[in-house]
Amino acid sequence: MERPELSIAVQRAPDEVVIALAGEIDVLTVTELSTIVNELLVEPPSSRIVLDMSGVTFCDSQGLGTLVVLSRKAQHAQTVLALANVGDFLMRVLDITGLRSALMISSTA
């Protein structure tokens, strides 16, 4: 069985960067996501980085941990990392794990 990968599309605006994600955030795909966000944090950072989660179909524990780590790195860089368009399944996982309060969740992208 072939596993879906993670598609990452970066859109830059003057005050924010939107990263549209589609597919699975898991042990096989978190490195690519981390690399992109870390590069954005090294550049003169935008005031806000939005991860558009509308296309995310799965997120494992490695993915959840990576989202928390990236959120903390963004805070240290004085940048907001927000999750937008979080699906019901992921919101449920964030509630169950207690991570919902550790991440900024935005209702719009």
PDB file of N, CA and C in Angstrom:
ATOM      1  N   MET A   1       0.844  -1.179   0.000  1.00  0.00           N
ATOM      2  CA  MET A   1       0.000   0.000   0.000  1.00  0.00           C
ATOM      3  C   MET A   1       0.892   1.246   0.000  1.00  0.00           C
ATOM      4  N   GLU A   2       0.646   2.151  -0.919  1.00  0.00           N
ATOM      5  CA  GLU A   2       1.437   3.366  -1.021  1.00  0.00           C
ATOM      6  C   GLU A   2       0.890   4.416  -0.071  1.00  0.00           C
ATOM      7  N   ARG A   3       1.810   5.064   0.641  1.00  0.00           N
ATOM      8  CA  ARG A   3       1.395   6.065   1.616  1.00  0.00           C
ATOM      9  C   ARG A   3       1.353   7.440   0.959  1.00  0.00           C
ATOM     10  N   PRO A   4       0.332   8.223   1.323  1.00  0.00           N
ATOM     11  CA  PRO A   4       0.310   9.594   0.813  1.00  0.00           C
ATOM     12  C   PRO A   4       1.466  10.388   1.416  1.00  0.00           C
ATOM     13  N   GLU A   5       1.961  11.330   0.677  1.00  0.00           N
ATOM     14  CA  GLU A   5       3.030  12.179   1.177  1.00  0.00           C
ATOM     15  C   GLU A   5       2.439  13.504   1.626  1.00  0.00           C
ATOM     16  N   LEU A   6       3.294  14.416   1.998  1.00  0.00           N
ATOM     17  CA  LEU A   6       2.853  15.734   2.421  1.00  0.00           C
ATOM     18  C   LEU A   6       3.219  16.746   1.348  1.00  0.00           C
ATOM     19  N   SER A   7       2.208  17.440   0.859  1.00  0.00           N
ATOM     20  CA  SER A   7       2.418  18.506  -0.112  1.00  0.00           C
ATOM     21  C   SER A   7       2.477  19.823   0.665  1.00  0.00           C
ATOM     22  N   ILE A   8       3.480  20.628   0.356  1.00  0.00           N
ATOM     23  CA  ILE A   8       3.682  21.884   1.068  1.00  0.00           C
ATOM     24  C   ILE A   8       3.778  23.014   0.048  1.00  0.00           C
ATOM     25  N   ALA A   9       2.870  23.999   0.159  1.00  0.00           N
ATOM     26  CA  ALA A   9       2.889  25.158  -0.730  1.00  0.00           C
ATOM     27  C   ALA A   9       3.009  26.418   0.118  1.00  0.00           C
ATOM     28  N   VAL A  10       4.016  27.237  -0.190  1.00  0.00           N
ATOM     29  CA  VAL A  10       4.275  28.446   0.591  1.00  0.00           C
ATOM     30  C   VAL A  10       3.809  29.667  -0.191  1.00  0.00           C
ATOM     31  N   GLN A  11       2.970  30.495   0.454  1.00  0.00           N
ATOM     32  CA  GLN A  11       2.496  31.741  -0.146  1.00  0.00           C
ATOM     33  C   GLN A  11       2.917  32.877   0.773  1.00  0.00           C
ATOM     34  N   ARG A  12       3.640  33.839   0.202  1.00  0.00           N
ATOM     35  CA  ARG A  12       4.127  34.964   1.002  1.00  0.00           C
ATOM     36  C   ARG A  12       3.269  36.203   0.773  1.00  0.00           C
ATOM     37  N   ALA A  13       2.946  36.871   1.866  1.00  0.00           N
ATOM     38  CA  ALA A  13       2.267  38.162   1.827  1.00  0.00           C
ATOM     39  C   ALA A  13       3.147  39.115   2.636  1.00  0.00           C
ATOM     40  N   PRO A  14       2.876  40.418   2.574  1.00  0.00           N
ATOM     41  CA  PRO A  14       3.749  41.357   3.284  1.00  0.00           C
ATOM     42  C   PRO A  14       3.869  41.084   4.794  1.00  0.00           C
ATOM     43  N   ASP A  15       2.785  40.713   5.455  1.00  0.00           N
ATOM     44  CA  ASP A  15       2.839  40.557   6.909  1.00  0.00           C
ATOM     45  C   ASP A  15       2.710  39.125   7.396  1.00  0.00           C
ATOM     46  N   GLU A  16       2.554  38.195   6.477  1.00  0.00           N
ATOM     47  CA  GLU A  16       2.452  36.796   6.906  1.00  0.00           C
ATOM     48  C   GLU A  16       2.843  35.851   5.786  1.00  0.00           C
ATOM     49  N   VAL A  17       3.140  34.616   6.192  1.00  0.00           N
ATOM     50  CA  VAL A  17       3.418  33.544   5.244  1.00  0.00           C
ATOM     51  C   VAL A  17       2.401  32.457   5.521  1.00  0.00           C
ATOM     52  N   VAL A  18       1.720  31.993   4.475  1.00  0.00           N
ATOM     53  CA  VAL A  18       0.764  30.896   4.625  1.00  0.00           C
ATOM     54  C   VAL A  18       1.381  29.651   4.002  1.00  0.00           C
ATOM     55  N   ILE A  19       1.423  28.587   4.796  1.00  0.00           N
ATOM     56  CA  ILE A  19       1.940  27.311   4.317  1.00  0.00           C
ATOM     57  C   ILE A  19       0.760  26.356   4.235  1.00  0.00           C
ATOM     58  N   ALA A  20       0.359  26.038   3.009  1.00  0.00           N
ATOM     59  CA  ALA A  20      -0.771  25.121   2.798  1.00  0.00           C
ATOM     60  C   ALA A  20      -0.238  23.693   2.814  1.00  0.00           C
ATOM     61  N   LEU A  21      -0.805  22.893   3.707  1.00  0.00           N
ATOM     62  CA  LEU A  21      -0.374  21.503   3.858  1.00  0.00           C
ATOM     63  C   LEU A  21      -1.466  20.573   3.358  1.00  0.00           C
ATOM     64  N   ALA A  22      -1.065  19.518   2.666  1.00  0.00           N
ATOM     65  CA  ALA A  22      -2.018  18.514   2.201  1.00  0.00           C
ATOM     66  C   ALA A  22      -1.357  17.146   2.300  1.00  0.00           C
ATOM     67  N   GLY A  23      -2.040  16.225   2.973  1.00  0.00           N
ATOM     68  CA  GLY A  23      -1.506  14.880   3.135  1.00  0.00           C
ATOM     69  C   GLY A  23      -1.291  14.556   4.594  1.00  0.00           C
ATOM     70  N   GLU A  24      -0.234  13.801   4.865  1.00  0.00           N
ATOM     71  CA  GLU A  24       0.014  13.301   6.210  1.00  0.00           C
ATOM     72  C   GLU A  24       1.222  13.965   6.853  1.00  0.00           C
ATOM     73  N   ILE A  25       1.039  14.384   8.107  1.00  0.00           N
ATOM     74  CA  ILE A  25       2.159  14.901   8.891  1.00  0.00           C
ATOM     75  C   ILE A  25       2.557  13.770   9.824  1.00  0.00           C
ATOM     76  N   ASP A  26       3.666  13.127   9.496  1.00  0.00           N
ATOM     77  CA  ASP A  26       4.080  11.968  10.290  1.00  0.00           C
ATOM     78  C   ASP A  26       5.599  11.861  10.309  1.00  0.00           C
ATOM     79  N   VAL A  27       6.076  10.774  10.857  1.00  0.00           N
ATOM     80  CA  VAL A  27       7.518  10.577  11.026  1.00  0.00           C
ATOM     81  C   VAL A  27       8.271  10.695   9.695  1.00  0.00           C
ATOM     82  N   LEU A  28       7.615  10.396   8.583  1.00  0.00           N
ATOM     83  CA  LEU A  28       8.277  10.445   7.282  1.00  0.00           C
ATOM     84  C   LEU A  28       8.259  11.836   6.648  1.00  0.00           C
ATOM     85  N   THR A  29       7.399  12.737   7.139  1.00  0.00           N
ATOM     86  CA  THR A  29       7.240  14.034   6.477  1.00  0.00           C
ATOM     87  C   THR A  29       7.578  15.241   7.345  1.00  0.00           C
ATOM     88  N   VAL A  30       7.780  15.048   8.657  1.00  0.00           N
ATOM     89  CA  VAL A  30       8.000  16.202   9.536  1.00  0.00           C
ATOM     90  C   VAL A  30       9.306  16.935   9.246  1.00  0.00           C
ATOM     91  N   THR A  31      10.305  16.245   8.763  1.00  0.00           N
ATOM     92  CA  THR A  31      11.597  16.889   8.504  1.00  0.00           C
ATOM     93  C   THR A  31      11.447  17.987   7.454  1.00  0.00           C
ATOM     94  N   GLU A  32      10.705  17.694   6.395  1.00  0.00           N
ATOM     95  CA  GLU A  32      10.507  18.686   5.333  1.00  0.00           C
ATOM     96  C   GLU A  32       9.750  19.903   5.868  1.00  0.00           C
ATOM     97  N   LEU A  33       8.695  19.655   6.648  1.00  0.00           N
ATOM     98  CA  LEU A  33       7.925  20.758   7.226  1.00  0.00           C
ATOM     99  C   LEU A  33       8.805  21.590   8.168  1.00  0.00           C
ATOM    100  N   SER A  34       9.564  20.921   9.021  1.00  0.00           N
ATOM    101  CA  SER A  34      10.449  21.625   9.963  1.00  0.00           C
ATOM    102  C   SER A  34      11.469  22.483   9.225  1.00  0.00           C
ATOM    103  N   THR A  35      12.051  21.939   8.172  1.00  0.00           N
ATOM    104  CA  THR A  35      13.061  22.668   7.401  1.00  0.00           C
ATOM    105  C   THR A  35      12.481  23.959   6.840  1.00  0.00           C
ATOM    106  N   ILE A  36      11.289  23.877   6.267  1.00  0.00           N
ATOM    107  CA  ILE A  36      10.666  25.061   5.660  1.00  0.00           C
ATOM    108  C   ILE A  36      10.364  26.119   6.723  1.00  0.00           C
ATOM    109  N   VAL A  37       9.760  25.720   7.827  1.00  0.00           N
ATOM    110  CA  VAL A  37       9.423  26.690   8.874  1.00  0.00           C
ATOM    111  C   VAL A  37      10.692  27.270   9.488  1.00  0.00           C
ATOM    112  N   ASN A  38      11.695  26.443   9.747  1.00  0.00           N
ATOM    113  CA  ASN A  38      12.954  26.945  10.320  1.00  0.00           C
ATOM    114  C   ASN A  38      13.623  27.958   9.395  1.00  0.00           C
ATOM    115  N   GLU A  39      13.572  27.716   8.088  1.00  0.00           N
ATOM    116  CA  GLU A  39      14.144  28.666   7.137  1.00  0.00           C
ATOM    117  C   GLU A  39      13.405  29.993   7.176  1.00  0.00           C
ATOM    118  N   LEU A  40      12.071  29.933   7.317  1.00  0.00           N
ATOM    119  CA  LEU A  40      11.282  31.159   7.406  1.00  0.00           C
ATOM    120  C   LEU A  40      11.608  31.932   8.677  1.00  0.00           C
ATOM    121  N   LEU A  41      11.935  31.228   9.741  1.00  0.00           N
ATOM    122  CA  LEU A  41      12.250  31.892  11.005  1.00  0.00           C
ATOM    123  C   LEU A  41      13.639  32.510  10.996  1.00  0.00           C
ATOM    124  N   VAL A  42      14.534  32.021  10.146  1.00  0.00           N
ATOM    125  CA  VAL A  42      15.888  32.565  10.052  1.00  0.00           C
ATOM    126  C   VAL A  42      15.883  33.840   9.217  1.00  0.00           C
ATOM    127  N   GLU A  43      15.051  33.871   8.180  1.00  0.00           N
ATOM    128  CA  GLU A  43      14.931  35.065   7.340  1.00  0.00           C
ATOM    129  C   GLU A  43      14.400  36.199   8.214  1.00  0.00           C
ATOM    130  N   PRO A  44      14.446  37.434   7.701  1.00  0.00           N
ATOM    131  CA  PRO A  44      13.748  38.464   8.468  1.00  0.00           C
ATOM    132  C   PRO A  44      12.310  37.961   8.624  1.00  0.00           C
ATOM    133  N   PRO A  45      11.940  37.557   9.829  1.00  0.00           N
ATOM    134  CA  PRO A  45      10.688  36.839   9.961  1.00  0.00           C
ATOM    135  C   PRO A  45       9.458  37.696   9.720  1.00  0.00           C
ATOM    136  N   SER A  46       8.445  37.058   9.163  1.00  0.00           N
ATOM    137  CA  SER A  46       7.137  37.690   9.058  1.00  0.00           C
ATOM    138  C   SER A  46       6.573  37.743  10.468  1.00  0.00           C
ATOM    139  N   SER A  47       5.587  38.573  10.661  1.00  0.00           N
ATOM    140  CA  SER A  47       5.000  38.650  11.991  1.00  0.00           C
ATOM    141  C   SER A  47       4.144  37.413  12.268  1.00  0.00           C
ATOM    142  N   ARG A  48       3.798  36.683  11.192  1.00  0.00           N
ATOM    143  CA  ARG A  48       2.898  35.552  11.376  1.00  0.00           C
ATOM    144  C   ARG A  48       3.163  34.481  10.327  1.00  0.00           C
ATOM    145  N   ILE A  49       3.208  33.239  10.771  1.00  0.00           N
ATOM    146  CA  ILE A  49       3.277  32.092   9.870  1.00  0.00           C
ATOM    147  C   ILE A  49       2.015  31.277  10.133  1.00  0.00           C
ATOM    148  N   VAL A  50       1.251  31.026   9.079  1.00  0.00           N
ATOM    149  CA  VAL A  50       0.009  30.278   9.205  1.00  0.00           C
ATOM    150  C   VAL A  50       0.176  28.927   8.528  1.00  0.00           C
ATOM    151  N   LEU A  51      -0.092  27.865   9.278  1.00  0.00           N
ATOM    152  CA  LEU A  51      -0.130  26.532   8.683  1.00  0.00           C
ATOM    153  C   LEU A  51      -1.578  26.220   8.357  1.00  0.00           C
ATOM    154  N   ASP A  52      -1.904  26.200   7.072  1.00  0.00           N
ATOM    155  CA  ASP A  52      -3.268  25.888   6.639  1.00  0.00           C
ATOM    156  C   ASP A  52      -3.406  24.370   6.625  1.00  0.00           C
ATOM    157  N   MET A  53      -4.153  23.859   7.589  1.00  0.00           N
ATOM    158  CA  MET A  53      -4.269  22.420   7.812  1.00  0.00           C
ATOM    159  C   MET A  53      -5.450  21.789   7.061  1.00  0.00           C
ATOM    160  N   SER A  54      -6.110  22.545   6.196  1.00  0.00           N
ATOM    161  CA  SER A  54      -7.339  22.046   5.565  1.00  0.00           C
ATOM    162  C   SER A  54      -7.133  20.773   4.752  1.00  0.00           C
ATOM    163  N   GLY A  55      -5.931  20.557   4.224  1.00  0.00           N
ATOM    164  CA  GLY A  55      -5.680  19.360   3.425  1.00  0.00           C
ATOM    165  C   GLY A  55      -5.025  18.220   4.181  1.00  0.00           C
ATOM    166  N   VAL A  56      -4.819  18.406   5.492  1.00  0.00           N
ATOM    167  CA  VAL A  56      -4.142  17.381   6.283  1.00  0.00           C
ATOM    168  C   VAL A  56      -5.103  16.231   6.584  1.00  0.00           C
ATOM    169  N   THR A  57      -4.683  15.019   6.240  1.00  0.00           N
ATOM    170  CA  THR A  57      -5.541  13.842   6.427  1.00  0.00           C
ATOM    171  C   THR A  57      -5.134  13.000   7.629  1.00  0.00           C
ATOM    172  N   PHE A  58      -3.919  13.244   8.149  1.00  0.00           N
ATOM    173  CA  PHE A  58      -3.419  12.428   9.270  1.00  0.00           C
ATOM    174  C   PHE A  58      -2.291  13.175   9.953  1.00  0.00           C
ATOM    175  N   CYS A  59      -2.169  13.005  11.267  1.00  0.00           N
ATOM    176  CA  CYS A  59      -1.057  13.588  12.006  1.00  0.00           C
ATOM    177  C   CYS A  59      -0.734  12.650  13.159  1.00  0.00           C
ATOM    178  N   ASP A  60       0.485  12.084  13.152  1.00  0.00           N
ATOM    179  CA  ASP A  60       0.863  11.156  14.220  1.00  0.00           C
ATOM    180  C   ASP A  60       1.548  11.908  15.367  1.00  0.00           C
ATOM    181  N   SER A  61       2.020  11.179  16.361  1.00  0.00           N
ATOM    182  CA  SER A  61       2.630  11.809  17.532  1.00  0.00           C
ATOM    183  C   SER A  61       3.871  12.611  17.158  1.00  0.00           C
ATOM    184  N   GLN A  62       4.622  12.127  16.184  1.00  0.00           N
ATOM    185  CA  GLN A  62       5.799  12.868  15.716  1.00  0.00           C
ATOM    186  C   GLN A  62       5.367  14.203  15.108  1.00  0.00           C
ATOM    187  N   GLY A  63       4.285  14.174  14.358  1.00  0.00           N
ATOM    188  CA  GLY A  63       3.753  15.400  13.762  1.00  0.00           C
ATOM    189  C   GLY A  63       3.281  16.379  14.817  1.00  0.00           C
ATOM    190  N   LEU A  64       2.576  15.876  15.822  1.00  0.00           N
ATOM    191  CA  LEU A  64       2.098  16.743  16.905  1.00  0.00           C
ATOM    192  C   LEU A  64       3.264  17.383  17.643  1.00  0.00           C
ATOM    193  N   GLY A  65       4.259  16.577  17.956  1.00  0.00           N
ATOM    194  CA  GLY A  65       5.436  17.092  18.644  1.00  0.00           C
ATOM    195  C   GLY A  65       6.148  18.155  17.831  1.00  0.00           C
ATOM    196  N   THR A  66       6.231  17.933  16.538  1.00  0.00           N
ATOM    197  CA  THR A  66       6.884  18.891  15.647  1.00  0.00           C
ATOM    198  C   THR A  66       6.121  20.209  15.618  1.00  0.00           C
ATOM    199  N   LEU A  67       4.798  20.157  15.599  1.00  0.00           N
ATOM    200  CA  LEU A  67       4.000  21.384  15.605  1.00  0.00           C
ATOM    201  C   LEU A  67       4.264  22.191  16.880  1.00  0.00           C
ATOM    202  N   VAL A  68       4.368  21.505  18.008  1.00  0.00           N
ATOM    203  CA  VAL A  68       4.637  22.191  19.281  1.00  0.00           C
ATOM    204  C   VAL A  68       6.041  22.809  19.265  1.00  0.00           C
ATOM    205  N   VAL A  69       7.030  22.048  18.802  1.00  0.00           N
ATOM    206  CA  VAL A  69       8.406  22.554  18.735  1.00  0.00           C
ATOM    207  C   VAL A  69       8.487  23.773  17.813  1.00  0.00           C
ATOM    208  N   LEU A  70       7.845  23.698  16.658  1.00  0.00           N
ATOM    209  CA  LEU A  70       7.877  24.824  15.715  1.00  0.00           C
ATOM    210  C   LEU A  70       7.185  26.047  16.302  1.00  0.00           C
ATOM    211  N   SER A  71       6.114  25.821  17.041  1.00  0.00           N
ATOM    212  CA  SER A  71       5.403  26.925  17.682  1.00  0.00           C
ATOM    213  C   SER A  71       6.309  27.629  18.692  1.00  0.00           C
ATOM    214  N   ARG A  72       7.040  26.855  19.464  1.00  0.00           N
ATOM    215  CA  ARG A  72       7.962  27.437  20.458  1.00  0.00           C
ATOM    216  C   ARG A  72       9.116  28.171  19.788  1.00  0.00           C
ATOM    217  N   LYS A  73       9.636  27.597  18.709  1.00  0.00           N
ATOM    218  CA  LYS A  73      10.727  28.268  17.980  1.00  0.00           C
ATOM    219  C   LYS A  73      10.236  29.603  17.417  1.00  0.00           C
ATOM    220  N   ALA A  74       9.004  29.619  16.913  1.00  0.00           N
ATOM    221  CA  ALA A  74       8.432  30.856  16.373  1.00  0.00           C
ATOM    222  C   ALA A  74       8.308  31.904  17.473  1.00  0.00           C
ATOM    223  N   GLN A  75       7.862  31.486  18.648  1.00  0.00           N
ATOM    224  CA  GLN A  75       7.749  32.432  19.768  1.00  0.00           C
ATOM    225  C   GLN A  75       9.104  33.048  20.091  1.00  0.00           C
ATOM    226  N   HIS A  76      10.143  32.232  20.100  1.00  0.00           N
ATOM    227  CA  HIS A  76      11.492  32.738  20.386  1.00  0.00           C
ATOM    228  C   HIS A  76      11.956  33.721  19.310  1.00  0.00           C
ATOM    229  N   ALA A  77      11.463  33.538  18.083  1.00  0.00           N
ATOM    230  CA  ALA A  77      11.816  34.438  16.983  1.00  0.00           C
ATOM    231  C   ALA A  77      10.843  35.619  16.898  1.00  0.00           C
ATOM    232  N   GLN A  78       9.985  35.753  17.915  1.00  0.00           N
ATOM    233  CA  GLN A  78       8.970  36.809  17.971  1.00  0.00           C
ATOM    234  C   GLN A  78       8.050  36.782  16.759  1.00  0.00           C
ATOM    235  N   THR A  79       7.680  35.577  16.381  1.00  0.00           N
ATOM    236  CA  THR A  79       6.757  35.341  15.277  1.00  0.00           C
ATOM    237  C   THR A  79       5.614  34.480  15.808  1.00  0.00           C
ATOM    238  N   VAL A  80       4.430  34.704  15.279  1.00  0.00           N
ATOM    239  CA  VAL A  80       3.284  33.886  15.657  1.00  0.00           C
ATOM    240  C   VAL A  80       3.181  32.730  14.665  1.00  0.00           C
ATOM    241  N   LEU A  81       3.077  31.516  15.185  1.00  0.00           N
ATOM    242  CA  LEU A  81       2.792  30.350  14.339  1.00  0.00           C
ATOM    243  C   LEU A  81       1.380  29.917  14.677  1.00  0.00           C
ATOM    244  N   ALA A  82       0.494  29.998  13.700  1.00  0.00           N
ATOM    245  CA  ALA A  82      -0.907  29.663  13.932  1.00  0.00           C
ATOM    246  C   ALA A  82      -1.343  28.540  13.007  1.00  0.00           C
ATOM    247  N   LEU A  83      -2.187  27.656  13.520  1.00  0.00           N
ATOM    248  CA  LEU A  83      -2.802  26.616  12.701  1.00  0.00           C
ATOM    249  C   LEU A  83      -4.163  27.126  12.267  1.00  0.00           C
ATOM    250  N   ALA A  84      -4.484  26.995  11.001  1.00  0.00           N
ATOM    251  CA  ALA A  84      -5.776  27.428  10.485  1.00  0.00           C
ATOM    252  C   ALA A  84      -6.465  26.258   9.804  1.00  0.00           C
ATOM    253  N   ASN A  85      -7.771  26.315   9.764  1.00  0.00           N
ATOM    254  CA  ASN A  85      -8.585  25.296   9.094  1.00  0.00           C
ATOM    255  C   ASN A  85      -8.277  23.899   9.619  1.00  0.00           C
ATOM    256  N   VAL A  86      -8.211  23.791  10.935  1.00  0.00           N
ATOM    257  CA  VAL A  86      -7.925  22.506  11.571  1.00  0.00           C
ATOM    258  C   VAL A  86      -9.185  21.647  11.514  1.00  0.00           C
ATOM    259  N   GLY A  87      -9.055  20.447  10.964  1.00  0.00           N
ATOM    260  CA  GLY A  87     -10.188  19.542  10.820  1.00  0.00           C
ATOM    261  C   GLY A  87     -10.645  18.960  12.152  1.00  0.00           C
ATOM    262  N   ASP A  88     -11.843  18.418  12.160  1.00  0.00           N
ATOM    263  CA  ASP A  88     -12.413  17.843  13.381  1.00  0.00           C
ATOM    264  C   ASP A  88     -11.542  16.748  13.983  1.00  0.00           C
ATOM    265  N   PHE A  89     -10.992  15.880  13.120  1.00  0.00           N
ATOM    266  CA  PHE A  89     -10.198  14.764  13.648  1.00  0.00           C
ATOM    267  C   PHE A  89      -8.956  15.277  14.365  1.00  0.00           C
ATOM    268  N   LEU A  90      -8.297  16.274  13.782  1.00  0.00           N
ATOM    269  CA  LEU A  90      -7.079  16.797  14.393  1.00  0.00           C
ATOM    270  C   LEU A  90      -7.417  17.598  15.653  1.00  0.00           C
ATOM    271  N   MET A  91      -8.514  18.330  15.619  1.00  0.00           N
ATOM    272  CA  MET A  91      -8.928  19.086  16.801  1.00  0.00           C
ATOM    273  C   MET A  91      -9.208  18.122  17.960  1.00  0.00           C
ATOM    274  N   ARG A  92      -9.813  16.991  17.651  1.00  0.00           N
ATOM    275  CA  ARG A  92     -10.105  15.973  18.671  1.00  0.00           C
ATOM    276  C   ARG A  92      -8.794  15.428  19.257  1.00  0.00           C
ATOM    277  N   VAL A  93      -7.829  15.153  18.392  1.00  0.00           N
ATOM    278  CA  VAL A  93      -6.529  14.650  18.851  1.00  0.00           C
ATOM    279  C   VAL A  93      -5.847  15.700  19.730  1.00  0.00           C
ATOM    280  N   LEU A  94      -5.913  16.961  19.347  1.00  0.00           N
ATOM    281  CA  LEU A  94      -5.300  18.026  20.144  1.00  0.00           C
ATOM    282  C   LEU A  94      -5.978  18.143  21.506  1.00  0.00           C
ATOM    283  N   ASP A  95      -7.292  17.957  21.536  1.00  0.00           N
ATOM    284  CA  ASP A  95      -8.021  17.990  22.809  1.00  0.00           C
ATOM    285  C   ASP A  95      -7.634  16.813  23.699  1.00  0.00           C
ATOM    286  N   ILE A  96      -7.589  15.628  23.117  1.00  0.00           N
ATOM    287  CA  ILE A  96      -7.289  14.409  23.883  1.00  0.00           C
ATOM    288  C   ILE A  96      -5.875  14.470  24.459  1.00  0.00           C
ATOM    289  N   THR A  97      -4.941  14.976  23.672  1.00  0.00           N
ATOM    290  CA  THR A  97      -3.543  15.015  24.110  1.00  0.00           C
ATOM    291  C   THR A  97      -3.224  16.229  24.985  1.00  0.00           C
ATOM    292  N   GLY A  98      -4.159  17.162  25.063  1.00  0.00           N
ATOM    293  CA  GLY A  98      -3.921  18.369  25.841  1.00  0.00           C
ATOM    294  C   GLY A  98      -3.049  19.386  25.123  1.00  0.00           C
ATOM    295  N   LEU A  99      -2.813  19.183  23.837  1.00  0.00           N
ATOM    296  CA  LEU A  99      -1.931  20.078  23.088  1.00  0.00           C
ATOM    297  C   LEU A  99      -2.666  21.279  22.487  1.00  0.00           C
ATOM    298  N   ARG A 100      -3.979  21.274  22.554  1.00  0.00           N
ATOM    299  CA  ARG A 100      -4.728  22.386  21.968  1.00  0.00           C
ATOM    300  C   ARG A 100      -4.300  23.723  22.588  1.00  0.00           C
ATOM    301  N   SER A 101      -4.055  23.699  23.904  1.00  0.00           N
ATOM    302  CA  SER A 101      -3.665  24.949  24.570  1.00  0.00           C
ATOM    303  C   SER A 101      -2.217  25.330  24.268  1.00  0.00           C
ATOM    304  N   ALA A 102      -1.409  24.392  23.767  1.00  0.00           N
ATOM    305  CA  ALA A 102      -0.007  24.688  23.461  1.00  0.00           C
ATOM    306  C   ALA A 102       0.169  25.291  22.072  1.00  0.00           C
ATOM    307  N   LEU A 103      -0.886  25.258  21.261  1.00  0.00           N
ATOM    308  CA  LEU A 103      -0.806  25.751  19.881  1.00  0.00           C
ATOM    309  C   LEU A 103      -1.819  26.867  19.675  1.00  0.00           C
ATOM    310  N   MET A 104      -1.469  27.833  18.835  1.00  0.00           N
ATOM    311  CA  MET A 104      -2.422  28.869  18.477  1.00  0.00           C
ATOM    312  C   MET A 104      -3.257  28.352  17.300  1.00  0.00           C
ATOM    313  N   ILE A 105      -4.546  28.325  17.503  1.00  0.00           N
ATOM    314  CA  ILE A 105      -5.438  27.831  16.450  1.00  0.00           C
ATOM    315  C   ILE A 105      -6.317  28.988  16.006  1.00  0.00           C
ATOM    316  N   SER A 106      -6.207  29.298  14.720  1.00  0.00           N
ATOM    317  CA  SER A 106      -6.925  30.417  14.139  1.00  0.00           C
ATOM    318  C   SER A 106      -8.129  29.890  13.370  1.00  0.00           C
ATOM    319  N   SER A 107      -9.209  30.652  13.384  1.00  0.00           N
ATOM    320  CA  SER A 107     -10.398  30.200  12.657  1.00  0.00           C
ATOM    321  C   SER A 107     -10.302  30.510  11.162  1.00  0.00           C
ATOM    322  N   THR A 108      -9.406  31.423  10.794  1.00  0.00           N
ATOM    323  CA  THR A 108      -9.249  31.766   9.374  1.00  0.00           C
ATOM    324  C   THR A 108      -7.783  31.760   9.001  1.00  0.00           C
ATOM    325  N   ALA A 109      -7.547  31.568   7.710  1.00  0.00           N
ATOM    326  CA  ALA A 109      -6.151  31.576   7.218  1.00  0.00           C
ATOM    327  C   ALA A 109      -5.724  32.976   6.884  1.00  0.00           C
TER     328      ALA A 109
END
